[in-house]
Protein backbone atom coordinates (compact mmCIF):
# COMPACT_ATOMS: atom_id res chain seq x y z
CA MET A 1 24.91 -38.04 4.37
CA SER A 2 27.86 -36.43 6.13
CA LEU A 3 27.22 -33.75 8.21
CA PRO A 4 28.83 -30.75 6.06
CA SER A 5 26.80 -32.03 3.28
CA GLN A 6 23.58 -31.59 5.52
CA GLN A 7 24.65 -28.30 6.49
CA ARG A 8 25.24 -27.27 3.00
CA ARG A 9 21.80 -28.34 2.11
CA ALA A 10 20.13 -26.70 4.94
CA THR A 11 21.83 -23.53 4.50
CA PHE A 12 20.73 -23.61 0.58
CA TRP A 13 16.95 -24.26 1.49
CA ALA A 14 17.26 -21.19 4.18
CA ALA A 15 18.43 -19.18 1.21
CA PHE A 16 15.89 -20.73 -1.40
CA GLY A 17 12.92 -18.43 -2.49
CA PRO A 18 14.24 -15.25 -4.30
CA GLY A 19 14.73 -17.00 -7.57
CA LEU A 20 11.12 -18.06 -7.81
CA LEU A 21 10.03 -14.39 -7.00
CA TRP A 22 11.95 -13.40 -9.98
CA ALA A 23 10.34 -16.40 -12.02
CA ALA A 24 7.03 -15.09 -10.70
CA THR A 25 7.74 -11.50 -11.99
CA ALA A 26 8.93 -12.68 -15.52
CA ILE A 27 6.24 -15.09 -16.29
CA GLY A 28 3.38 -12.92 -17.32
CA VAL A 29 2.79 -11.29 -20.28
CA SER A 30 6.01 -12.35 -22.11
CA HIS A 31 5.00 -15.98 -21.52
CA LEU A 32 0.93 -15.94 -21.70
CA VAL A 33 1.08 -13.47 -24.72
CA GLN A 34 4.38 -13.48 -26.54
CA SER A 35 5.23 -16.96 -26.24
CA THR A 36 1.97 -18.14 -27.14
CA ARG A 37 1.42 -15.83 -29.91
CA ALA A 38 4.78 -17.04 -31.33
CA GLY A 39 3.56 -20.55 -31.44
CA ALA A 40 0.12 -19.51 -32.77
CA GLU A 41 2.04 -17.60 -35.80
CA ALA A 42 4.82 -19.55 -36.56
CA GLY A 43 4.56 -22.98 -34.88
CA LEU A 44 7.80 -24.07 -33.42
CA ALA A 45 9.85 -21.66 -35.72
CA LEU A 46 10.87 -19.11 -33.12
CA ALA A 47 11.99 -21.91 -30.46
CA GLY A 48 15.48 -20.82 -31.50
CA VAL A 49 14.80 -17.16 -31.05
CA ILE A 50 13.59 -17.45 -27.52
CA LEU A 51 16.35 -19.92 -26.61
CA LEU A 52 18.87 -17.27 -27.81
CA ALA A 53 17.24 -14.84 -25.90
CA LEU A 54 17.24 -16.65 -22.64
CA VAL A 55 20.97 -17.42 -23.17
CA LEU A 56 22.17 -14.28 -24.01
CA LYS A 57 19.97 -12.24 -21.16
CA TYR A 58 20.96 -14.76 -18.33
CA PRO A 59 24.25 -13.18 -17.07
CA LEU A 60 22.15 -9.75 -17.09
CA PHE A 61 19.68 -11.14 -14.74
CA GLU A 62 22.05 -13.48 -12.79
CA TYR A 63 24.14 -10.37 -11.76
CA GLY A 64 21.27 -9.27 -9.42
CA PRO A 65 21.51 -12.01 -6.77
CA ARG A 66 25.12 -12.33 -7.06
CA TYR A 67 25.63 -9.10 -6.33
CA GLY A 68 23.47 -8.79 -3.43
CA ALA A 69 24.97 -12.12 -1.98
CA ALA A 70 28.72 -10.98 -2.51
CA THR A 71 28.31 -7.18 -1.24
CA GLY A 72 25.56 -7.13 0.68
CA LEU A 73 24.29 -4.42 -0.84
CA SER A 74 21.20 -4.04 -3.72
CA LEU A 75 21.92 -3.05 -7.20
CA VAL A 76 20.59 0.44 -6.28
CA GLU A 77 23.48 0.96 -3.90
CA GLY A 78 25.87 -0.59 -6.70
CA TYR A 79 24.58 2.25 -9.15
CA ARG A 80 25.23 4.89 -6.16
CA HIS A 81 28.82 3.72 -6.06
CA ILE A 82 29.16 4.35 -9.79
CA GLY A 83 27.99 7.82 -9.43
CA ARG A 84 25.18 10.25 -9.00
CA TRP A 85 24.24 10.00 -12.73
CA ALA A 86 23.81 6.11 -12.83
CA LEU A 87 21.38 6.57 -9.75
CA TRP A 88 19.28 9.34 -11.29
CA LEU A 89 18.99 7.46 -14.57
CA TYR A 90 18.14 4.45 -12.89
CA VAL A 91 15.22 6.51 -11.13
CA ALA A 92 14.34 8.02 -14.61
CA ILE A 93 13.67 4.65 -16.00
CA THR A 94 11.80 3.68 -13.10
CA VAL A 95 9.54 6.49 -12.77
CA THR A 96 8.87 6.39 -16.52
CA THR A 97 7.93 2.80 -16.60
CA SER A 98 6.78 1.70 -13.43
CA VAL A 99 3.36 3.32 -13.04
CA VAL A 100 2.37 2.04 -16.82
CA ILE A 101 3.63 -1.33 -16.51
CA GLN A 102 2.19 -2.09 -13.05
CA ALA A 103 -1.40 -0.48 -14.40
CA ALA A 104 -1.23 -2.72 -17.54
CA ILE A 105 -0.55 -5.87 -15.56
CA VAL A 106 -3.04 -5.28 -13.03
CA LEU A 107 -5.70 -4.51 -15.30
CA PHE A 108 -4.70 -7.47 -17.61
CA THR A 109 -5.14 -9.86 -14.40
CA ALA A 110 -8.53 -7.89 -13.58
CA PHE A 111 -9.73 -8.87 -16.95
CA LEU A 112 -8.84 -12.55 -16.53
CA LEU A 113 -10.55 -12.47 -13.04
CA ASN A 114 -13.88 -11.12 -14.60
CA TYR A 115 -13.50 -13.75 -17.45
CA THR A 116 -12.71 -16.49 -15.30
CA PHE A 117 -15.33 -16.15 -12.80
CA ASP A 118 -17.95 -14.44 -14.99
CA LEU A 119 -17.79 -11.34 -12.68
CA ALA A 120 -19.81 -8.18 -13.99
CA TRP A 121 -17.36 -5.67 -12.09
CA SER A 122 -15.90 -3.28 -14.56
CA MET A 123 -12.17 -3.81 -14.94
CA PRO A 124 -11.00 -0.55 -13.15
CA VAL A 125 -13.20 -2.00 -9.93
CA THR A 126 -11.73 -5.50 -10.15
CA GLY A 127 -8.20 -4.08 -10.72
CA ALA A 128 -8.48 -1.64 -7.59
CA VAL A 129 -9.77 -4.88 -5.48
CA LEU A 130 -7.05 -6.91 -6.61
CA LEU A 131 -4.35 -4.15 -6.04
CA LEU A 132 -5.78 -3.57 -2.59
CA VAL A 133 -5.55 -7.29 -1.70
CA CYS A 134 -2.27 -7.74 -2.57
CA ALA A 135 -0.80 -4.68 -1.12
CA VAL A 136 -2.85 -5.28 2.28
CA SER A 137 -1.65 -9.04 1.80
CA LEU A 138 2.00 -7.71 1.53
CA TRP A 139 1.86 -5.08 4.41
CA ILE A 140 0.30 -7.72 7.05
CA GLY A 141 2.77 -10.42 5.84
CA ARG A 142 5.53 -8.81 4.68
CA PHE A 143 8.30 -10.78 2.58
CA PRO A 144 7.78 -14.05 4.12
CA LEU A 145 4.13 -13.95 2.95
CA LEU A 146 5.32 -12.98 -0.42
CA ASP A 147 7.82 -15.86 -0.26
CA ARG A 148 5.24 -18.65 0.65
CA ALA A 149 2.33 -17.20 -1.53
CA VAL A 150 4.82 -16.93 -4.60
CA LYS A 151 5.91 -20.82 -4.34
CA LEU A 152 2.37 -21.83 -3.83
CA ILE A 153 0.99 -19.79 -7.10
CA LEU A 154 4.08 -21.15 -9.09
CA VAL A 155 3.72 -24.83 -8.10
CA VAL A 156 0.11 -24.55 -9.43
CA LEU A 157 0.97 -22.59 -12.36
CA ALA A 158 3.68 -25.10 -13.30
CA LEU A 159 1.49 -27.99 -13.17
CA SER A 160 -1.57 -26.42 -15.04
CA THR A 161 0.77 -25.20 -18.01
CA ILE A 162 2.93 -28.41 -18.02
CA ALA A 163 -0.51 -30.36 -18.47
CA ALA A 164 -1.96 -28.01 -20.71
CA ALA A 165 1.04 -28.38 -22.82
CA VAL A 166 1.50 -32.14 -22.76
CA VAL A 167 -2.21 -32.32 -23.91
CA THR A 168 -1.35 -30.39 -26.86
CA LEU A 169 1.56 -32.39 -28.24
CA GLY A 170 0.25 -34.62 -30.23
CA ARG A 171 -1.64 -31.75 -32.33
CA VAL A 172 2.03 -29.63 -32.77
CA ASP A 173 3.52 -29.66 -36.10
CA TRP A 174 7.06 -30.76 -35.53
CA SER A 175 8.35 -30.00 -38.97
CA THR A 176 7.95 -26.27 -38.12
CA LEU A 177 10.80 -26.73 -35.50
CA ALA A 178 13.75 -24.29 -36.42
CA LEU A 179 16.57 -22.15 -34.95
CA LEU A 180 15.87 -19.47 -37.23
CA PRO A 181 12.40 -18.14 -38.19
CA ALA A 182 11.09 -17.43 -41.41
CA LEU A 183 10.62 -13.95 -42.66
CA GLY A 184 8.64 -12.49 -45.37
CA THR A 185 7.36 -15.88 -46.44
CA THR A 186 4.08 -17.87 -45.87
CA GLY A 187 3.62 -20.51 -43.59
CA GLY A 188 4.79 -19.50 -40.46
CA ALA A 189 6.15 -16.16 -41.33
CA VAL A 190 6.77 -13.47 -38.46
CA SER A 191 6.99 -9.61 -38.80
CA PHE A 192 10.57 -8.27 -37.79
CA ALA A 193 8.59 -6.18 -35.30
CA PHE A 194 7.13 -9.03 -33.27
CA LEU A 195 10.65 -10.76 -33.36
CA LEU A 196 11.90 -7.60 -31.60
CA ALA A 197 9.02 -7.59 -28.97
CA LEU A 198 9.62 -11.22 -28.48
CA VAL A 199 13.27 -10.79 -27.60
CA GLY A 200 12.97 -7.67 -26.03
CA TRP A 201 10.62 -9.13 -23.16
CA MET A 202 11.66 -12.74 -22.99
CA PRO A 203 11.98 -13.49 -20.33
CA SER A 204 11.24 -10.09 -18.98
CA ALA A 205 12.64 -6.53 -18.85
CA ILE A 206 16.39 -6.28 -17.63
CA ASP A 207 15.39 -3.86 -14.92
CA ILE A 208 14.06 -6.60 -12.68
CA ALA A 209 17.54 -7.79 -11.77
CA VAL A 210 17.34 -4.93 -9.25
CA TRP A 211 14.19 -6.59 -7.63
CA SER A 212 16.25 -9.94 -7.27
CA SER A 213 18.96 -8.18 -5.66
CA LEU A 214 16.69 -6.80 -3.28
CA TRP A 215 15.00 -10.09 -2.62
CA THR A 216 18.10 -11.83 -2.07
CA LEU A 217 18.82 -9.45 0.88
CA ALA A 218 15.16 -9.67 2.20
CA LYS A 219 15.26 -13.30 2.15
CA ASP A 220 18.90 -13.00 4.23
CA LYS A 221 16.95 -10.96 6.95
CA VAL A 222 14.07 -13.16 7.08
CA SER A 223 16.35 -16.28 7.45
CA GLY A 224 18.79 -14.79 9.58
CA GLY A 225 21.70 -15.95 7.86
CA HIS A 226 23.61 -14.81 4.55
CA ALA A 227 23.36 -16.50 1.40
CA SER A 228 26.68 -17.38 -0.28
CA VAL A 229 27.27 -16.53 -3.73
CA SER A 230 26.99 -20.10 -5.17
CA HIS A 231 23.68 -20.57 -3.27
CA ALA A 232 22.40 -17.35 -4.71
CA ARG A 233 23.46 -18.24 -8.03
CA LEU A 234 21.99 -21.90 -7.75
CA ASP A 235 18.80 -20.19 -6.43
CA PHE A 236 18.67 -18.06 -9.25
CA PHE A 237 19.56 -20.47 -11.86
CA ILE A 238 16.23 -22.83 -10.64
CA GLY A 239 14.09 -19.88 -11.09
CA TYR A 240 15.44 -18.73 -14.57
CA ALA A 241 15.37 -22.59 -15.86
CA ALA A 242 11.76 -22.83 -14.76
CA THR A 243 11.12 -19.74 -16.63
CA GLY A 244 12.35 -20.67 -19.63
CA PHE A 245 10.66 -23.99 -19.63
CA LEU A 246 7.46 -22.52 -19.21
CA ALA A 247 8.04 -20.27 -22.04
CA PHE A 248 8.62 -23.24 -24.35
CA CYS A 249 5.31 -24.68 -22.64
CA PHE A 250 3.29 -21.96 -23.71
CA LEU A 251 5.09 -21.82 -27.45
CA ILE A 252 3.74 -25.77 -27.50
CA LEU A 253 0.06 -24.16 -26.38
CA GLY A 254 0.09 -21.83 -29.49
CA ALA A 255 1.67 -23.92 -31.81
CA GLY A 256 -0.60 -26.93 -30.68
CA VAL A 257 -3.98 -25.26 -30.84
CA MET A 258 -3.73 -22.01 -32.76
CA PHE A 259 -1.28 -22.45 -35.54
CA ALA A 260 -2.56 -22.89 -38.78
CA SER A 261 -6.27 -22.70 -37.22
CA GLY A 262 -7.11 -20.14 -39.82
CA MET A 263 -8.21 -17.88 -37.11
CA SER A 264 -7.00 -14.00 -37.15
CA PHE A 265 -5.60 -13.22 -33.71
CA SER A 266 -6.02 -9.98 -31.98
CA GLY A 267 -3.42 -7.73 -31.10
CA ALA A 268 -4.67 -6.88 -27.62
CA GLY A 269 -3.28 -9.04 -25.07
CA THR A 270 -6.56 -9.65 -23.28
CA VAL A 271 -8.64 -10.61 -26.20
CA PHE A 272 -5.60 -12.85 -27.22
CA SER A 273 -5.73 -14.91 -24.12
CA THR A 274 -9.56 -15.37 -24.35
CA GLN A 275 -9.14 -16.53 -28.10
CA LEU A 276 -6.66 -19.27 -26.71
CA VAL A 277 -8.90 -20.58 -23.90
CA HIS A 278 -11.65 -20.76 -26.72
CA LEU A 279 -9.47 -22.63 -29.19
CA TYR A 280 -8.14 -25.08 -26.42
CA SER A 281 -11.47 -25.86 -25.23
CA SER A 282 -13.06 -26.17 -28.69
CA THR A 283 -10.07 -28.23 -29.90
CA LEU A 284 -9.81 -30.45 -27.20
CA GLY A 285 -13.15 -30.48 -25.13
CA PRO A 286 -14.77 -28.50 -22.46
CA TRP A 287 -13.17 -30.65 -19.83
CA ALA A 288 -9.74 -28.83 -20.83
CA ARG A 289 -11.03 -25.10 -20.38
CA PRO A 290 -10.19 -25.25 -16.63
CA ILE A 291 -6.76 -26.43 -17.16
CA VAL A 292 -5.67 -23.30 -19.21
CA LEU A 293 -7.90 -20.92 -17.35
CA ILE A 294 -5.63 -21.87 -14.32
CA ALA A 295 -2.54 -21.84 -16.11
CA ALA A 296 -3.51 -18.20 -17.32
CA LEU A 297 -4.89 -16.70 -14.48
CA THR A 298 -1.97 -18.00 -12.29
CA THR A 299 0.61 -16.58 -14.82
CA MET A 300 -0.95 -13.16 -14.10
CA LEU A 301 -1.48 -13.31 -10.55
CA SER A 302 1.95 -14.28 -9.68
CA THR A 303 3.15 -11.26 -11.72
CA SER A 304 0.62 -9.08 -10.16
CA LEU A 305 1.63 -10.06 -6.48
CA ALA A 306 5.44 -9.70 -7.14
CA VAL A 307 5.18 -6.28 -8.76
CA VAL A 308 3.09 -4.81 -6.15
CA ASP A 309 5.80 -5.79 -3.42
CA GLY A 310 7.90 -3.00 -2.40
CA ARG A 311 7.64 -0.12 -0.24
CA PRO A 312 10.19 3.09 -0.03
CA ALA A 313 13.46 2.46 1.89
CA ILE A 314 16.40 4.98 2.40
CA ALA A 315 19.95 4.14 3.98
CA TYR A 316 21.68 7.11 5.73
CA PHE A 317 25.01 8.22 7.32
CA ASP A 318 24.50 8.48 10.88
CA ASN A 319 27.05 11.39 11.97
CA ALA A 320 25.82 11.39 15.69
CA SER A 321 26.55 7.74 16.64
CA VAL A 322 29.03 4.66 15.85
CA HIS A 323 26.94 2.63 13.56
CA GLY A 324 27.67 4.46 10.35
CA ILE A 325 25.81 3.53 7.61
CA ARG A 326 22.07 2.70 8.40
CA TYR A 327 19.03 1.47 6.39
CA ILE A 328 15.33 1.91 7.31
CA ARG A 329 12.05 0.63 5.26
CA ALA A 330 8.57 2.25 5.51
CA GLU A 331 6.08 0.11 6.98
CA ASP A 332 3.55 1.05 4.27
CA ALA A 333 3.36 1.95 0.36
CA SER A 334 2.79 5.75 1.60
CA GLY A 335 6.02 5.93 3.63
CA THR A 336 4.01 7.44 6.54
CA ALA A 337 5.12 4.98 9.16
CA TRP A 338 8.95 3.68 9.44
CA GLY A 339 10.40 0.59 10.72
CA THR A 340 13.43 -0.01 13.14
CA ALA A 341 17.08 0.99 11.11
CA GLN A 342 19.26 -1.69 10.66
CA SER A 343 23.16 -1.04 10.84
CA LEU A 344 25.16 -1.85 7.66
CA PRO A 345 28.79 -2.53 7.41
CA VAL A 346 31.24 0.59 6.57
CA GLY A 347 34.34 -1.29 5.91
CA GLY A 348 35.65 -2.96 3.16
CA SER A 349 34.92 -3.27 -0.45
CA ALA A 350 31.18 -3.45 0.57
CA GLY A 351 31.22 -0.30 2.76
CA TRP A 352 31.19 3.55 2.32
CA SER A 353 34.30 4.46 3.82
CA THR A 354 35.19 6.19 0.54
CA ARG A 355 32.14 8.43 0.48
CA ARG A 356 32.66 11.96 -0.24
CA SER A 357 31.25 14.52 2.00
CA ARG A 358 27.32 15.08 1.49
CA PRO A 359 24.80 17.43 2.72
CA SER A 360 23.56 16.84 6.23
CA VAL A 361 19.80 16.69 7.06
CA PRO A 362 18.60 17.23 10.74
CA THR A 363 16.09 15.50 11.97
CA SER A 364 13.47 16.25 14.91
CA THR A 365 14.76 13.66 17.08
CA GLY A 366 18.46 14.78 17.17
CA PRO A 367 21.10 12.87 15.43
CA VAL A 368 22.05 14.25 11.90
CA LEU A 369 21.42 11.85 8.99
CA THR A 370 22.64 11.81 5.76
CA PRO A 371 20.27 9.95 3.04
CA ILE A 372 22.33 8.47 0.12
CA LEU A 373 20.27 6.11 -1.66
CA ILE A 374 16.80 5.02 -2.74
CA ARG A 375 15.17 1.48 -3.12
CA LYS A 376 12.90 0.74 -6.12
CA SER A 377 9.42 0.43 -5.34
CA PRO A 378 7.13 0.00 -8.10
CA ILE A 379 4.09 1.33 -6.44
CA SER A 380 5.81 4.15 -4.26
CA MET A 381 9.11 5.24 -5.93
CA LEU A 382 7.27 8.78 -6.29
CA CYS A 383 6.77 8.73 -2.43
CA SER A 384 10.05 7.94 -1.75
CA LEU A 385 11.82 10.47 -4.12
CA ASN A 386 11.47 13.19 -1.56
CA ARG A 387 12.72 11.13 1.27
CA ALA A 388 16.04 10.16 -0.37
CA THR A 389 18.47 12.41 -2.11
CA SER A 390 22.19 11.66 -3.25
CA ARG A 391 24.75 13.87 -2.45
């Protein structure tokens, strides 16, 4: 192997990881509940719909790491370039969705933990412990721990899910495979409302493209390098392809053990997941129960860990120094302690040389600081709003 090839490979592996973090976030309720329910309700008739959703949404998600690698800025900073309205629109969407979504994910995971290990704790208690463990782990280990933990969890998730799907292949009714679903007929019919929900959440909500842009920059900081656009795109494609592949694995799970079973499935995701485990183990035998339990639990654990990641951060223009734009991130979720400020480029297309004048905020240490942006933080957006303002 030539030296340039070795260098390219080494550079890629140094940048590898943000795509898997994105996959860990996306592989959650959309897969365990929505994809499996699609198989349970219609066999393989919704395979084409899932494929279409994955293809159409790919450019929207891929833009996050592409923008981060190309500019050295996050999408939040990109929104700020568009205008104040774009930034505050993003803030409004984040504030109104992040708390509810994170609570739902953590409580869903808590339910699976209680169910898997037969814990007598209430769901709020288990959820609080899970949230605390994730938050403390990320506070201590920061991005490197998140990067390593997610890779390990995804390996277990992929192996268990693939194994569960392979075991059920012989039970799948392949005659139901179609590019378009049957609506309003019996035998594999699906409601239009479920179809919209499936497309809307497959593979995830569009706003997590912002997270991948932030993770791309965080990986650069940890590795000490800068991912090229091609490497960032390849890294994301690997994660996206894995996400799509596992969506079809869960579809096969539902089609193999739940479709045409005659069982009425619950509309609650938690109950539906236990129905999947019960049908899987009763159909294939008790030996198969641990396989599907591990697949279900690791699916939600990876999502819980990824969505808990995040601490408030701001960028500011330092009028009293030559550093120009600087970036500083909190050491904890509440924003009570802050790390060391990092300088950001102010020239070129990635800089802020064309910025308008902004109100200055004096600090106790002397320099005059101008807050200019905020970083999305699923658990601490409300804490950071009073620390970061736009012009």
